Amino acid sequence: MIKIPEEFIRENFTPKDFIDSCHEAFVGYGSGTHTMQSREENLQNGYKNGLDRFTLRMPAKIPGYEGYKFIEEFSSVGGGNLGKDKTAVIRLKPESGEEAEMDAGYITHIRTGAAGALGVRYFVTRPESVSILGTGNVAKAAALCTAELGVAKINAYSRTPEKREEFRREIGSSVSAEVVLHDSLKSCVADCDAIIAAVPTPEPIIYLSDMQKCRYISCMGGDSRTAQLGEDIMTNVLLIPDNEAQCMKSGDFRKASEGGYLGKVRFMKRDGRVLNIGDAANGRVQAPDGIVMCYFTGMAVQDIAAAKMIYEKWNHKHS
C-alpha cells in the first residue's frame, strides 16, 4: 500500500487546487457520477477522562476510484473544543493500481474551507467582504480559499484575542485581502456580503437580527453535537443542503426538531424536490431574493475527489 505523507500534500497543492477538486466533487454529485454510501457514525459520551469518543466512516465512489475516510475523535463540545485528540485517514482504491492511504486531517480542513468558499462563489456576484466566524483550522482554510475569490476584506471573529491574533498572523501573510479582526460577533457580521460560519459551539450564536448587508451564509455544520444558527435564521433563509439526509442528523437541525420549528425550515425546492449543492454546482439554482444559506455537513465525495487528485500527482512524480 502507498503511504502518502501530509508534507507532500501541503507542498504540492494550493487552496485553488482544492477548490477545483471540491467543485468537481459537487458537479459529479449533482450529475450522479460521484456517489456515497451511508455514513457509519457512533458517539460514546463520557468515554474517557470526561471526553466523548466519536467515530465516523464515510465511503464513496467516483469514476475510477472508491474509498472511505475514517475518523476517531475524543472531544469536549461543552468546552468549545472538537478534535482535542483526533485521527483521520483516507483509504483510496483505484480500479487499477496500488491502494493508497493518507492522513485526512489537513485534507478535511482545506476541502471544508473550499466548500464554504464555493458556496460564496455560486451565490454572490463579485463579493468584496466576507466574514469568517471561528479562527480554527477550518476557518483558516475557509479564509485562504475565500481569498481566491478576489475579496478585498476578510473579517474574522472568535472568542479569544489570542486566537484572533494567531489567525491574522497565519492568514494575513498569505492573502492579499485585508484581514480585519473583531472582538464581537455582531460587529463581524454587520457589514459583509457573505458569512462563513465554522464555530464548534453547543448553542446557537448567530442570529438574523445581527445581519444587515449580508445576503449569503455558508454554515459548516455537520457535527451532531454543535449548533450555530438561531431559530430566526433557520426559519427565514432559503436553505440549500449539501446532503439533506446528513443535514437532518446535524446539530442545528436536531435543535430545530427539539424546538418545534423544523417544519418551518425553508428548503429551496423545484418540482417538490429539495435542491442541493450538486444542483448549485451544475447551474440549476438561480439566486432568489432574500438570504441564501448552504449548509455543509461534509461529503465523502469531497474526500475521495481530493484523494484522487493527490494520488495521481504522487504517481506522476514517482513514476
Protein backbone atom coordinates (compact mmCIF):
# COMPACT_ATOMS: atom_id res chain seq x y z
CA MET A 1 0.00 0.00 0.00
CA ILE A 2 1.21 3.50 -0.87
CA LYS A 3 1.52 5.84 2.12
CA ILE A 4 1.28 9.47 1.04
CA PRO A 5 2.66 11.84 3.71
CA GLU A 6 0.96 15.08 4.68
CA GLU A 7 4.10 17.04 3.78
CA PHE A 8 3.63 16.04 0.14
CA ILE A 9 0.04 17.30 0.20
CA ARG A 10 0.90 20.63 1.81
CA GLU A 11 3.85 21.25 -0.52
CA ASN A 12 2.20 20.32 -3.81
CA PHE A 13 -1.36 21.65 -3.65
CA THR A 14 -2.77 25.16 -3.34
CA PRO A 15 -6.14 26.28 -1.98
CA LYS A 16 -7.22 26.74 -5.61
CA ASP A 17 -6.41 23.07 -6.30
CA PHE A 18 -8.76 22.03 -3.50
CA ILE A 19 -11.44 24.45 -4.69
CA ASP A 20 -11.26 22.86 -8.14
CA SER A 21 -11.35 19.36 -6.66
CA CYS A 22 -14.30 20.22 -4.44
CA HIS A 23 -16.19 21.77 -7.35
CA GLU A 24 -15.55 18.60 -9.36
CA ALA A 25 -16.99 16.56 -6.48
CA PHE A 26 -20.10 18.75 -6.27
CA VAL A 27 -20.65 18.63 -10.04
CA GLY A 28 -20.26 14.86 -10.03
CA TYR A 29 -22.56 14.52 -7.05
CA GLY A 30 -25.18 16.58 -8.83
CA SER A 31 -24.86 14.59 -12.05
CA GLY A 32 -24.79 11.16 -10.38
CA THR A 33 -21.23 10.12 -11.26
CA HIS A 34 -19.99 10.63 -7.67
CA THR A 35 -21.96 8.58 -5.16
CA MET A 36 -21.89 7.94 -1.42
CA GLN A 37 -22.94 5.06 0.76
CA SER A 38 -24.44 5.52 4.23
CA ARG A 39 -22.17 7.03 6.84
CA GLU A 40 -21.45 4.97 9.95
CA GLU A 41 -21.44 7.27 12.97
CA ASN A 42 -21.06 6.45 16.66
CA LEU A 43 -20.86 8.65 19.76
CA GLN A 44 -19.93 7.43 23.26
CA ASN A 45 -20.47 10.14 25.86
CA GLY A 46 -18.05 10.27 28.78
CA TYR A 47 -15.83 7.63 27.22
CA LYS A 48 -12.57 8.53 28.97
CA ASN A 49 -11.38 11.28 31.33
CA GLY A 50 -14.51 13.32 30.75
CA LEU A 51 -14.10 13.19 26.98
CA ASP A 52 -16.58 11.82 24.44
CA ARG A 53 -15.49 9.31 21.77
CA PHE A 54 -16.80 9.92 18.28
CA THR A 55 -16.15 7.71 15.23
CA LEU A 56 -17.25 8.18 11.64
CA ARG A 57 -16.73 6.12 8.47
CA MET A 58 -17.57 7.87 5.18
CA PRO A 59 -17.48 5.74 1.98
CA ALA A 60 -17.83 6.97 -1.60
CA LYS A 61 -17.27 6.04 -5.25
CA ILE A 62 -16.15 8.31 -8.08
CA PRO A 63 -15.14 7.38 -11.64
CA GLY A 64 -12.06 5.17 -11.43
CA TYR A 65 -11.89 5.08 -7.63
CA GLU A 66 -13.61 4.07 -4.44
CA GLY A 67 -12.64 4.60 -0.84
CA TYR A 68 -13.55 5.95 2.54
CA LYS A 69 -12.50 8.31 5.29
CA PHE A 70 -12.39 7.11 8.89
CA ILE A 71 -12.33 9.49 11.86
CA GLU A 72 -11.81 8.79 15.56
CA GLU A 73 -12.07 11.75 17.90
CA PHE A 74 -12.01 12.45 21.64
CA SER A 75 -13.58 15.83 22.39
CA SER A 76 -15.27 18.17 24.82
CA VAL A 77 -18.02 20.04 22.99
CA GLY A 78 -19.09 21.96 26.09
CA GLY A 79 -15.59 23.39 26.25
CA GLY A 80 -15.87 24.53 22.63
CA ASN A 81 -13.19 22.06 21.55
CA LEU A 82 -13.71 19.49 18.83
CA GLY A 83 -10.78 17.41 17.73
CA LYS A 84 -8.92 17.58 21.06
CA ASP A 85 -7.46 14.17 20.24
CA LYS A 86 -8.29 13.18 16.69
CA THR A 87 -7.06 10.86 13.96
CA ALA A 88 -8.40 10.66 10.42
CA VAL A 89 -7.27 8.66 7.40
CA ILE A 90 -8.44 8.23 3.83
CA ARG A 91 -8.14 4.88 2.07
CA LEU A 92 -8.27 5.09 -1.72
CA LYS A 93 -8.64 2.09 -4.04
CA PRO A 94 -8.22 2.73 -7.77
CA GLU A 95 -9.72 0.44 -10.39
CA SER A 96 -6.17 -0.27 -11.50
CA GLY A 97 -3.07 0.42 -9.47
CA GLU A 98 -1.95 0.17 -5.88
CA GLU A 99 -4.21 1.12 -2.97
CA ALA A 100 -3.20 4.26 -1.06
CA GLU A 101 -3.59 5.69 2.41
CA MET A 102 -3.14 9.29 3.52
CA ASP A 103 -3.72 11.32 6.64
CA ALA A 104 -7.05 13.12 6.29
CA GLY A 105 -6.65 15.94 8.82
CA TYR A 106 -5.33 18.65 6.52
CA ILE A 107 -7.40 17.39 3.58
CA THR A 108 -10.59 17.65 5.65
CA HIS A 109 -9.82 21.19 6.79
CA ILE A 110 -8.96 22.53 3.34
CA ARG A 111 -11.75 20.76 1.43
CA THR A 112 -14.23 22.06 4.04
CA GLY A 113 -12.92 25.58 3.60
CA ALA A 114 -13.10 25.14 -0.16
CA ALA A 115 -16.78 24.13 0.11
CA GLY A 116 -17.58 27.26 2.10
CA ALA A 117 -15.83 29.44 -0.48
CA LEU A 118 -17.59 27.68 -3.35
CA GLY A 119 -20.95 28.46 -1.78
CA VAL A 120 -19.98 32.12 -1.83
CA ARG A 121 -18.86 31.80 -5.46
CA TYR A 122 -22.09 30.12 -6.51
CA PHE A 123 -24.39 32.71 -4.95
CA VAL A 124 -22.61 36.05 -4.53
CA THR A 125 -21.63 38.13 -7.54
CA ARG A 126 -18.24 39.78 -7.00
CA PRO A 127 -18.07 39.57 -3.19
CA GLU A 128 -15.95 42.28 -1.63
CA SER A 129 -16.19 41.50 2.08
CA VAL A 130 -16.58 38.06 3.70
CA SER A 131 -16.86 37.39 7.43
CA ILE A 132 -15.33 34.23 8.90
CA LEU A 133 -16.80 33.11 12.23
CA GLY A 134 -14.27 30.97 14.06
CA THR A 135 -10.48 31.00 13.86
CA GLY A 136 -9.66 27.28 13.97
CA ASN A 137 -8.24 25.13 11.19
CA VAL A 138 -11.44 25.04 9.12
CA ALA A 139 -11.90 28.81 9.47
CA LYS A 140 -8.30 29.42 8.39
CA ALA A 141 -8.78 27.15 5.37
CA ALA A 142 -12.02 28.96 4.53
CA ALA A 143 -10.18 32.29 4.64
CA LEU A 144 -7.42 31.03 2.32
CA CYS A 145 -9.98 29.64 -0.12
CA THR A 146 -12.18 32.74 0.07
CA ALA A 147 -9.17 34.89 -0.79
CA GLU A 148 -9.05 33.02 -4.10
CA LEU A 149 -12.37 34.68 -4.97
CA GLY A 150 -10.65 38.07 -5.03
CA VAL A 151 -12.35 39.56 -1.97
CA ALA A 152 -10.92 42.83 -0.67
CA LYS A 153 -11.62 42.24 3.03
CA ILE A 154 -11.82 39.20 5.30
CA ASN A 155 -13.43 39.86 8.68
CA ALA A 156 -12.74 37.37 11.46
CA TYR A 157 -14.19 36.69 14.90
CA SER A 158 -13.57 34.24 17.72
CA ARG A 159 -13.99 34.45 21.46
CA THR A 160 -10.35 34.88 22.46
CA PRO A 161 -7.97 37.69 21.42
CA GLU A 162 -5.02 35.28 21.22
CA LYS A 163 -6.74 33.10 18.64
CA ARG A 164 -7.79 36.13 16.62
CA GLU A 165 -4.22 37.41 16.51
CA GLU A 166 -2.93 33.98 15.56
CA PHE A 167 -5.46 33.88 12.74
CA ARG A 168 -4.24 37.23 11.41
CA ARG A 169 -0.57 36.20 11.63
CA GLU A 170 -1.17 32.97 9.72
CA ILE A 171 -3.67 34.26 7.16
CA GLY A 172 -2.58 37.85 6.69
CA SER A 173 0.83 36.87 5.31
CA SER A 174 -0.74 34.50 2.76
CA VAL A 175 -3.51 36.61 1.19
CA SER A 176 -3.78 39.98 -0.50
CA ALA A 177 -7.12 40.73 1.18
CA GLU A 178 -7.18 42.95 4.27
CA VAL A 179 -7.74 40.83 7.40
CA VAL A 180 -9.84 42.69 9.99
CA LEU A 181 -10.30 41.23 13.47
CA HIS A 182 -13.47 41.79 15.50
CA ASP A 183 -13.96 41.37 19.24
CA SER A 184 -17.71 40.80 18.85
CA LEU A 185 -19.69 38.60 16.51
CA LYS A 186 -22.21 41.38 15.89
CA SER A 187 -19.59 43.76 14.55
CA CYS A 188 -18.10 40.99 12.41
CA VAL A 189 -21.36 40.23 10.57
CA ALA A 190 -22.80 43.74 10.49
CA ASP A 191 -21.26 44.81 7.16
CA CYS A 192 -20.31 41.96 4.82
CA ASP A 193 -21.51 40.32 1.62
CA ALA A 194 -21.25 36.77 2.95
CA ILE A 195 -20.62 34.78 6.13
CA ILE A 196 -18.75 31.52 6.56
CA ALA A 197 -19.55 30.04 9.97
CA ALA A 198 -17.22 27.44 11.45
CA VAL A 199 -17.67 27.65 15.22
CA PRO A 200 -17.72 24.49 17.40
CA THR A 201 -20.37 25.71 19.81
CA PRO A 202 -23.09 23.63 21.51
CA GLU A 203 -25.59 26.51 21.44
CA PRO A 204 -26.57 28.95 18.67
CA ILE A 205 -24.60 32.20 18.44
CA ILE A 206 -25.61 33.57 15.01
CA TYR A 207 -28.88 35.44 14.61
CA LEU A 208 -30.59 37.09 11.67
CA SER A 209 -31.16 40.24 13.70
CA ASP A 210 -27.37 40.82 13.79
CA MET A 211 -27.03 40.75 9.99
CA GLN A 212 -27.53 43.91 7.94
CA LYS A 213 -25.94 43.79 4.47
CA CYS A 214 -25.22 40.05 4.25
CA ARG A 215 -27.22 38.01 1.74
CA TYR A 216 -25.43 34.65 1.89
CA ILE A 217 -24.21 32.19 4.57
CA SER A 218 -22.01 29.10 4.32
CA CYS A 219 -22.57 27.11 7.50
CA MET A 220 -20.03 24.37 8.21
CA GLY A 221 -22.33 22.40 10.46
CA GLY A 222 -22.06 18.65 10.02
CA ASP A 223 -21.42 17.73 13.64
CA SER A 224 -24.40 16.35 15.54
CA ARG A 225 -23.03 17.87 18.77
CA THR A 226 -22.90 21.50 17.69
CA ALA A 227 -25.44 24.18 16.73
CA GLN A 228 -24.51 27.62 15.43
CA LEU A 229 -27.73 29.08 13.98
CA GLY A 230 -30.54 30.85 15.78
CA GLU A 231 -34.16 29.96 15.09
CA ASP A 232 -34.68 33.17 13.12
CA ILE A 233 -32.02 32.11 10.60
CA MET A 234 -33.23 28.53 10.35
CA THR A 235 -36.80 29.62 9.59
CA ASN A 236 -36.22 32.66 7.35
CA VAL A 237 -33.33 31.98 4.99
CA LEU A 238 -33.61 29.85 1.84
CA LEU A 239 -31.58 26.75 2.60
CA ILE A 240 -29.57 24.51 0.27
CA PRO A 241 -28.04 21.40 1.89
CA ASP A 242 -25.05 19.52 0.60
CA ASN A 243 -26.85 16.30 1.55
CA GLU A 244 -30.33 16.55 3.03
CA ALA A 245 -30.19 13.27 4.99
CA GLN A 246 -26.89 14.21 6.62
CA CYS A 247 -28.23 17.66 7.49
CA MET A 248 -31.09 16.11 9.44
CA LYS A 249 -28.55 14.46 11.75
CA SER A 250 -26.61 17.66 12.39
CA GLY A 251 -26.89 19.79 15.49
CA ASP A 252 -28.76 22.75 14.00
CA PHE A 253 -31.48 20.53 12.60
CA ARG A 254 -31.70 18.46 15.77
CA LYS A 255 -32.18 21.65 17.73
CA ALA A 256 -34.87 22.74 15.26
CA SER A 257 -36.64 19.42 15.78
CA GLU A 258 -36.42 19.68 19.56
CA GLY A 259 -37.60 23.30 19.43
CA GLY A 260 -40.59 22.51 17.25
CA TYR A 261 -39.57 24.66 14.27
CA LEU A 262 -38.10 22.05 11.91
CA GLY A 263 -41.24 22.23 9.79
CA LYS A 264 -40.62 25.94 9.23
CA VAL A 265 -37.17 25.42 7.68
CA ARG A 266 -37.36 26.76 4.11
CA PHE A 267 -35.50 24.34 1.85
CA MET A 268 -35.11 25.59 -1.69
CA LYS A 269 -37.16 23.28 -3.93
CA ARG A 270 -38.07 22.66 -7.54
CA ASP A 271 -40.98 20.43 -8.56
CA GLY A 272 -41.23 19.26 -4.95
CA ARG A 273 -37.58 18.18 -4.75
CA VAL A 274 -35.10 19.75 -2.34
CA LEU A 275 -32.26 21.29 -4.34
CA ASN A 276 -28.74 20.57 -3.09
CA ILE A 277 -25.17 21.75 -3.61
CA GLY A 278 -24.88 19.48 -6.65
CA ASP A 279 -27.70 21.43 -8.30
CA ALA A 280 -25.91 24.69 -7.48
CA ALA A 281 -22.60 23.43 -8.89
CA ASN A 282 -24.33 22.37 -12.11
CA GLY A 283 -26.01 25.75 -12.54
CA ARG A 284 -29.52 24.53 -11.78
CA VAL A 285 -30.17 27.06 -8.98
CA GLN A 286 -30.81 30.73 -9.55
CA ALA A 287 -30.12 33.05 -6.63
CA PRO A 288 -33.51 34.28 -5.41
CA ASP A 289 -34.40 37.40 -3.48
CA GLY A 290 -33.60 37.08 0.21
CA ILE A 291 -30.79 35.43 2.13
CA VAL A 292 -29.48 32.06 0.91
CA MET A 293 -27.63 29.57 3.11
CA CYS A 294 -25.69 26.50 2.04
CA TYR A 295 -25.46 24.03 4.90
CA PHE A 296 -22.34 21.87 4.60
CA THR A 297 -22.10 18.63 6.54
CA GLY A 298 -19.08 17.38 4.61
CA MET A 299 -19.41 14.67 1.99
CA ALA A 300 -17.26 11.65 1.29
CA VAL A 301 -17.19 12.52 -2.42
CA GLN A 302 -15.17 15.61 -1.47
CA ASP A 303 -12.59 13.48 0.34
CA ILE A 304 -12.30 10.89 -2.41
CA ALA A 305 -12.09 13.53 -5.16
CA ALA A 306 -9.30 15.26 -3.24
CA ALA A 307 -7.55 11.93 -2.61
CA LYS A 308 -7.75 11.14 -6.33
CA MET A 309 -6.06 14.47 -7.15
CA ILE A 310 -3.30 13.76 -4.64
CA TYR A 311 -2.85 10.13 -5.69
CA GLU A 312 -2.47 10.99 -9.36
CA LYS A 313 0.16 13.66 -8.72
CA TRP A 314 2.03 11.30 -6.38
CA ASN A 315 2.11 8.61 -9.06
CA HIS A 316 3.21 11.14 -11.68
CA LYS A 317 6.10 12.32 -9.52
CA HIS A 318 7.14 8.79 -8.57
CA SER A 319 6.72 7.03 -11.91
